[in-house]
Amino acid sequence: MLISFTNANNITFNITGNYILSPNWSGFEDLPVDIKMSKAPYQDGKTYIDTVIDPKNPIIEFTIKGQNRQEIFDRRRTVLNHFNPKLGLGTLKWVQEDGTTFYLDCIPRQPVFPSGEGQSSSHQITIIQFVAPNPFWYDPAQIERIMVGFSGGFSFPFSFPFNLGTVGTQIIVSNLGSVDTPVMIYFYGEVVNPTIKNLTTEEDISIIKTIADGEILIINTAFGEKSVMILSGGEYINAFEYIGSNSVFWKLKPGDNTVKYTVSSEGENAQCRLYYYNRFSGV
């Protein structure tokens, strides 16, 4: 088993060697639940509104080992530099005994170094609590699914290009996690008025625009990160204005989701790619 933390400077600290992991780490499986309810005057009980998940606060504990007090001080300073809360969001990594790996994006609080029995000339206990604004662990392997708008088409031997086909490709996308997961959607041009719909949730995202050959339309459905951009000539252009009025930035439900992609027309290089991570409430 291995626990490590990669900070915002992309430097990884492995709790191994002179840093010995304690069995007292906790909070990896916790799910801080906030049940929202309302109460009317004279109402018996309350009315359930929704369940909201608060930030997760996992804690790790390890022991710094050294040959003398100065070596302990030096290694403690290394810990302070790496787990600096001012650096911002980093990634906690947990590799289980069977090799299964999970990530959690989080910010460390200031490391705590207990005195008394917690330290000596050859050891220093270290406790670090993290704050995970997004409380869900995720599988590090990003999943990709590819779709095209026209399928089953056939061509006539005319002197000019002419093709008939069935608009839309429908596939099953499996979310193996335990919670809803957002998606990143890439439309590669040329495509005209593309729509991608999650038939399982009956929600769709439609774009009222032609994406030229060589351009990429990128949609992010993550809460707090929702965006619609066109990558053209190496520059990102805000394209939120082209979203259809009834569009919903949907997520994949746990289990199988039926996803359908349709376009008014498309060029030979057109394509839709869907990216997502399996996410988990606890591990």
Protein backbone atom coordinates (compact mmCIF):
# COMPACT_ATOMS: atom_id res chain seq x y z
CA MET A 1 0.00 0.00 0.00
CA LEU A 2 1.25 3.48 -0.86
CA ILE A 3 -0.02 6.98 -0.11
CA SER A 4 1.56 9.95 -1.85
CA PHE A 5 0.73 13.59 -2.49
CA THR A 6 1.56 15.62 -5.60
CA ASN A 7 1.41 19.33 -4.86
CA ALA A 8 0.47 22.18 -7.18
CA ASN A 9 4.12 22.46 -8.29
CA ASN A 10 3.81 18.88 -9.62
CA ILE A 11 6.30 17.55 -7.04
CA THR A 12 5.39 14.17 -5.53
CA PHE A 13 6.01 13.20 -1.91
CA ASN A 14 5.90 9.43 -1.31
CA ILE A 15 5.29 8.34 2.27
CA THR A 16 7.97 5.69 2.30
CA GLY A 17 11.63 5.23 3.32
CA ASN A 18 12.39 7.73 6.09
CA TYR A 19 8.69 8.63 6.23
CA ILE A 20 6.76 5.67 7.68
CA LEU A 21 2.99 5.58 7.23
CA SER A 22 0.98 5.13 10.42
CA PRO A 23 -2.19 2.99 10.54
CA ASN A 24 -3.99 6.01 12.00
CA TRP A 25 -4.87 7.60 8.63
CA SER A 26 -8.62 8.15 8.30
CA GLY A 27 -11.46 9.82 6.39
CA PHE A 28 -10.84 8.09 3.07
CA GLU A 29 -14.21 6.34 3.18
CA ASP A 30 -16.20 9.15 4.81
CA LEU A 31 -18.94 10.97 2.90
CA PRO A 32 -19.94 14.23 4.64
CA VAL A 33 -23.67 14.36 3.94
CA ASP A 34 -25.82 17.48 4.37
CA ILE A 35 -29.53 16.66 4.05
CA LYS A 36 -31.46 19.75 3.00
CA MET A 37 -34.99 20.09 4.42
CA SER A 38 -37.57 22.82 4.88
CA LYS A 39 -40.26 23.32 7.50
CA ALA A 40 -43.55 25.19 7.13
CA PRO A 41 -45.41 26.71 10.07
CA TYR A 42 -47.26 24.02 12.06
CA GLN A 43 -45.81 21.25 9.87
CA ASP A 44 -45.16 17.91 11.54
CA GLY A 45 -41.60 17.00 10.71
CA LYS A 46 -39.90 18.51 7.69
CA THR A 47 -39.95 18.26 3.88
CA TYR A 48 -36.94 16.66 2.23
CA ILE A 49 -35.39 18.84 -0.51
CA ASP A 50 -32.05 17.36 -1.51
CA THR A 51 -28.88 15.64 -0.33
CA VAL A 52 -25.68 17.67 -0.70
CA ILE A 53 -22.18 16.33 -0.15
CA ASP A 54 -19.81 18.59 1.77
CA PRO A 55 -16.02 18.71 1.26
CA LYS A 56 -14.13 15.63 2.44
CA ASN A 57 -11.40 15.90 5.11
CA PRO A 58 -9.06 12.89 4.99
CA ILE A 59 -6.18 12.70 7.47
CA ILE A 60 -2.83 10.97 7.08
CA GLU A 61 -0.28 10.31 9.79
CA PHE A 62 3.32 9.23 9.36
CA THR A 63 6.57 9.19 11.31
CA ILE A 64 9.72 10.99 10.21
CA LYS A 65 12.82 8.91 11.00
CA GLY A 66 16.38 10.24 11.40
CA GLN A 67 19.79 9.50 12.88
CA ASN A 68 19.81 12.68 14.98
CA ARG A 69 17.75 15.73 15.85
CA GLN A 70 19.18 17.86 13.00
CA GLU A 71 18.22 15.22 10.45
CA ILE A 72 14.70 15.23 11.88
CA PHE A 73 14.58 19.04 11.58
CA ASP A 74 15.76 18.91 7.95
CA ARG A 75 13.17 16.31 6.98
CA ARG A 76 10.44 18.14 8.84
CA ARG A 77 11.26 21.24 6.80
CA THR A 78 10.95 19.14 3.63
CA VAL A 79 7.45 18.14 4.75
CA LEU A 80 6.51 21.78 5.45
CA ASN A 81 7.75 22.89 2.03
CA HIS A 82 5.89 20.16 0.18
CA PHE A 83 2.61 20.32 2.12
CA ASN A 84 2.37 24.11 1.93
CA PRO A 85 -1.33 25.12 1.92
CA LYS A 86 -0.48 28.29 -0.03
CA LEU A 87 0.44 26.21 -3.07
CA GLY A 88 -3.24 25.36 -3.57
CA LEU A 89 -4.88 22.26 -4.96
CA GLY A 90 -2.83 19.07 -5.25
CA THR A 91 -3.64 15.38 -5.64
CA LEU A 92 -3.67 12.69 -2.97
CA LYS A 93 -2.95 9.23 -4.39
CA TRP A 94 -3.82 5.95 -2.70
CA VAL A 95 -2.52 2.66 -4.12
CA GLN A 96 -4.24 -0.26 -2.39
CA GLU A 97 -2.65 -3.62 -1.68
CA ASP A 98 -3.98 -5.14 -4.92
CA GLY A 99 -2.62 -2.21 -6.98
CA THR A 100 -5.99 -0.47 -7.39
CA THR A 101 -5.34 3.28 -7.50
CA PHE A 102 -7.55 6.23 -6.56
CA TYR A 103 -6.97 10.00 -6.73
CA LEU A 104 -8.47 12.83 -4.68
CA ASP A 105 -7.90 16.51 -5.49
CA CYS A 106 -7.34 18.35 -2.23
CA ILE A 107 -5.46 21.06 -0.33
CA PRO A 108 -3.31 20.20 2.73
CA ARG A 109 -3.71 22.09 5.96
CA GLN A 110 -0.56 23.08 7.84
CA PRO A 111 1.23 19.89 9.02
CA VAL A 112 1.07 19.26 12.77
CA PHE A 113 4.12 17.92 14.67
CA PRO A 114 3.03 16.70 18.13
CA SER A 115 5.45 17.22 21.00
CA GLY A 116 6.03 14.96 24.01
CA GLU A 117 5.93 11.31 22.99
CA GLY A 118 5.40 12.45 19.41
CA GLN A 119 9.04 13.40 18.98
CA SER A 120 12.57 12.46 19.97
CA SER A 121 16.07 12.73 18.55
CA SER A 122 15.26 9.92 16.13
CA HIS A 123 11.58 10.37 15.22
CA GLN A 124 8.82 12.94 14.69
CA ILE A 125 5.14 12.08 14.28
CA THR A 126 3.45 14.13 11.55
CA ILE A 127 -0.30 14.65 11.07
CA ILE A 128 -1.76 16.28 7.96
CA GLN A 129 -5.44 16.98 7.32
CA PHE A 130 -6.63 17.71 3.79
CA VAL A 131 -9.63 19.58 2.44
CA ALA A 132 -11.14 18.12 -0.73
CA PRO A 133 -13.57 20.71 -2.20
CA ASN A 134 -14.76 18.00 -4.60
CA PRO A 135 -15.25 15.08 -2.17
CA PHE A 136 -15.17 12.29 -4.76
CA TRP A 137 -12.24 9.99 -5.40
CA TYR A 138 -11.65 9.09 -9.03
CA ASP A 139 -10.02 6.41 -11.12
CA PRO A 140 -6.83 7.84 -12.71
CA ALA A 141 -7.61 6.18 -16.06
CA GLN A 142 -9.60 8.60 -18.21
CA ILE A 143 -12.14 6.79 -20.39
CA GLU A 144 -12.66 7.78 -24.04
CA ARG A 145 -15.63 6.93 -26.27
CA ILE A 146 -15.79 7.91 -29.95
CA MET A 147 -18.91 8.59 -32.02
CA VAL A 148 -19.69 9.76 -35.55
CA GLY A 149 -22.85 11.47 -36.71
CA PHE A 150 -23.56 9.50 -39.90
CA SER A 151 -23.58 5.73 -40.02
CA GLY A 152 -24.70 3.12 -42.52
CA GLY A 153 -24.45 5.53 -45.43
CA PHE A 154 -24.13 4.58 -49.10
CA SER A 155 -22.90 6.42 -52.16
CA PHE A 156 -24.10 6.78 -55.75
CA PRO A 157 -21.52 6.89 -58.55
CA PHE A 158 -22.40 10.45 -59.53
CA SER A 159 -19.85 12.88 -60.93
CA PHE A 160 -20.09 14.99 -57.78
CA PRO A 161 -19.87 13.90 -54.11
CA PHE A 162 -23.24 12.67 -52.88
CA ASN A 163 -23.94 10.51 -49.82
CA LEU A 164 -27.02 9.39 -47.93
CA GLY A 165 -26.91 8.01 -44.40
CA THR A 166 -28.66 7.68 -41.11
CA VAL A 167 -28.07 10.64 -38.84
CA GLY A 168 -26.90 9.70 -35.34
CA THR A 169 -24.85 7.16 -33.49
CA GLN A 170 -26.12 5.67 -30.24
CA ILE A 171 -23.82 3.89 -27.77
CA ILE A 172 -23.84 2.57 -24.21
CA VAL A 173 -21.46 4.45 -21.91
CA SER A 174 -20.77 2.72 -18.57
CA ASN A 175 -20.04 4.74 -15.44
CA LEU A 176 -18.48 2.18 -13.09
CA GLY A 177 -18.29 4.68 -10.22
CA SER A 178 -20.79 5.22 -7.42
CA VAL A 179 -21.75 8.84 -8.18
CA ASP A 180 -22.63 11.01 -11.18
CA THR A 181 -19.61 12.00 -13.24
CA PRO A 182 -19.22 15.00 -15.58
CA VAL A 183 -18.02 14.65 -19.15
CA MET A 184 -15.74 16.46 -21.54
CA ILE A 185 -17.11 16.47 -25.09
CA TYR A 186 -14.96 17.19 -28.16
CA PHE A 187 -16.64 17.84 -31.52
CA TYR A 188 -14.19 17.73 -34.43
CA GLY A 189 -15.28 19.63 -37.55
CA GLU A 190 -16.75 19.90 -39.98
CA VAL A 191 -20.06 19.45 -38.14
CA VAL A 192 -23.30 21.43 -38.42
CA ASN A 193 -25.57 21.85 -35.38
CA PRO A 194 -24.34 18.89 -33.32
CA THR A 195 -26.41 17.52 -30.44
CA ILE A 196 -25.36 14.98 -27.83
CA LYS A 197 -28.05 13.51 -25.63
CA ASN A 198 -28.04 11.28 -22.58
CA LEU A 199 -31.16 9.21 -23.24
CA THR A 200 -30.94 7.78 -19.72
CA THR A 201 -31.50 11.20 -18.14
CA GLU A 202 -33.43 12.67 -21.11
CA GLU A 203 -31.04 15.64 -21.18
CA ASP A 204 -29.15 17.00 -24.18
CA ILE A 205 -26.65 19.64 -25.21
CA SER A 206 -27.19 21.20 -28.62
CA ILE A 207 -24.94 23.61 -30.50
CA ILE A 208 -26.44 25.95 -33.08
CA LYS A 209 -23.36 26.53 -35.19
CA THR A 210 -21.14 25.07 -37.91
CA ILE A 211 -17.79 23.89 -36.60
CA ALA A 212 -15.36 24.16 -39.50
CA ASP A 213 -12.96 21.44 -40.57
CA GLY A 214 -9.83 21.78 -38.42
CA GLU A 215 -11.74 23.35 -35.51
CA ILE A 216 -12.64 21.61 -32.24
CA LEU A 217 -15.63 22.44 -30.06
CA ILE A 218 -14.97 21.55 -26.41
CA ILE A 219 -17.71 21.26 -23.76
CA ASN A 220 -17.07 20.71 -20.04
CA THR A 221 -20.12 19.73 -17.91
CA ALA A 222 -18.38 19.76 -14.49
CA PHE A 223 -20.05 21.90 -11.83
CA GLY A 224 -18.11 25.14 -11.36
CA GLU A 225 -16.16 24.48 -14.57
CA LYS A 226 -18.95 24.52 -17.17
CA SER A 227 -17.62 25.90 -20.43
CA VAL A 228 -18.08 25.86 -24.20
CA MET A 229 -14.98 26.71 -26.22
CA ILE A 230 -13.90 26.51 -29.86
CA LEU A 231 -10.24 25.75 -30.53
CA SER A 232 -9.39 27.42 -33.81
CA GLY A 233 -5.94 28.30 -35.11
CA GLY A 234 -4.39 27.54 -31.73
CA GLU A 235 -6.70 29.96 -29.89
CA TYR A 236 -9.63 29.22 -27.57
CA ILE A 237 -12.80 31.19 -28.29
CA ASN A 238 -15.75 31.37 -25.90
CA ALA A 239 -18.72 29.73 -27.66
CA PHE A 240 -21.32 29.73 -24.89
CA GLU A 241 -23.65 31.86 -27.03
CA TYR A 242 -24.15 28.96 -29.45
CA ILE A 243 -25.66 26.61 -26.85
CA GLY A 244 -29.32 25.73 -27.49
CA SER A 245 -31.78 27.32 -25.06
CA ASN A 246 -32.99 23.99 -23.64
CA SER A 247 -29.55 22.47 -23.21
CA VAL A 248 -28.55 20.83 -19.92
CA PHE A 249 -24.93 20.16 -18.93
CA TRP A 250 -25.67 16.54 -18.10
CA LYS A 251 -23.58 13.98 -16.26
CA LEU A 252 -23.33 10.21 -16.52
CA LYS A 253 -25.39 8.34 -13.95
CA PRO A 254 -23.83 5.32 -12.19
CA GLY A 255 -24.26 2.27 -14.39
CA ASP A 256 -25.06 2.18 -18.10
CA ASN A 257 -26.03 5.39 -19.91
CA THR A 258 -27.36 5.47 -23.48
CA VAL A 259 -25.78 8.40 -25.30
CA LYS A 260 -26.83 9.58 -28.77
CA TYR A 261 -24.99 11.95 -31.07
CA THR A 262 -26.70 13.65 -34.03
CA VAL A 263 -25.77 16.35 -36.53
CA SER A 264 -27.48 18.15 -39.41
CA SER A 265 -24.50 17.31 -41.61
CA GLU A 266 -20.83 16.57 -41.25
CA GLY A 267 -17.58 16.36 -43.21
CA GLU A 268 -15.30 13.37 -43.62
CA ASN A 269 -13.11 14.37 -40.65
CA ALA A 270 -16.05 14.93 -38.29
CA GLN A 271 -16.11 13.10 -34.99
CA CYS A 272 -17.35 13.32 -31.40
CA ARG A 273 -15.21 12.16 -28.48
CA LEU A 274 -16.50 11.74 -24.93
CA TYR A 275 -14.11 11.71 -21.94
CA TYR A 276 -14.84 10.98 -18.29
CA TYR A 277 -13.51 9.45 -15.07
CA ASN A 278 -15.21 6.92 -12.81
CA ARG A 279 -15.79 8.67 -9.47
CA PHE A 280 -16.42 7.21 -6.02
CA SER A 281 -18.01 8.52 -2.83
CA GLY A 282 -15.46 6.67 -0.69
CA VAL A 283 -12.68 4.10 -0.91
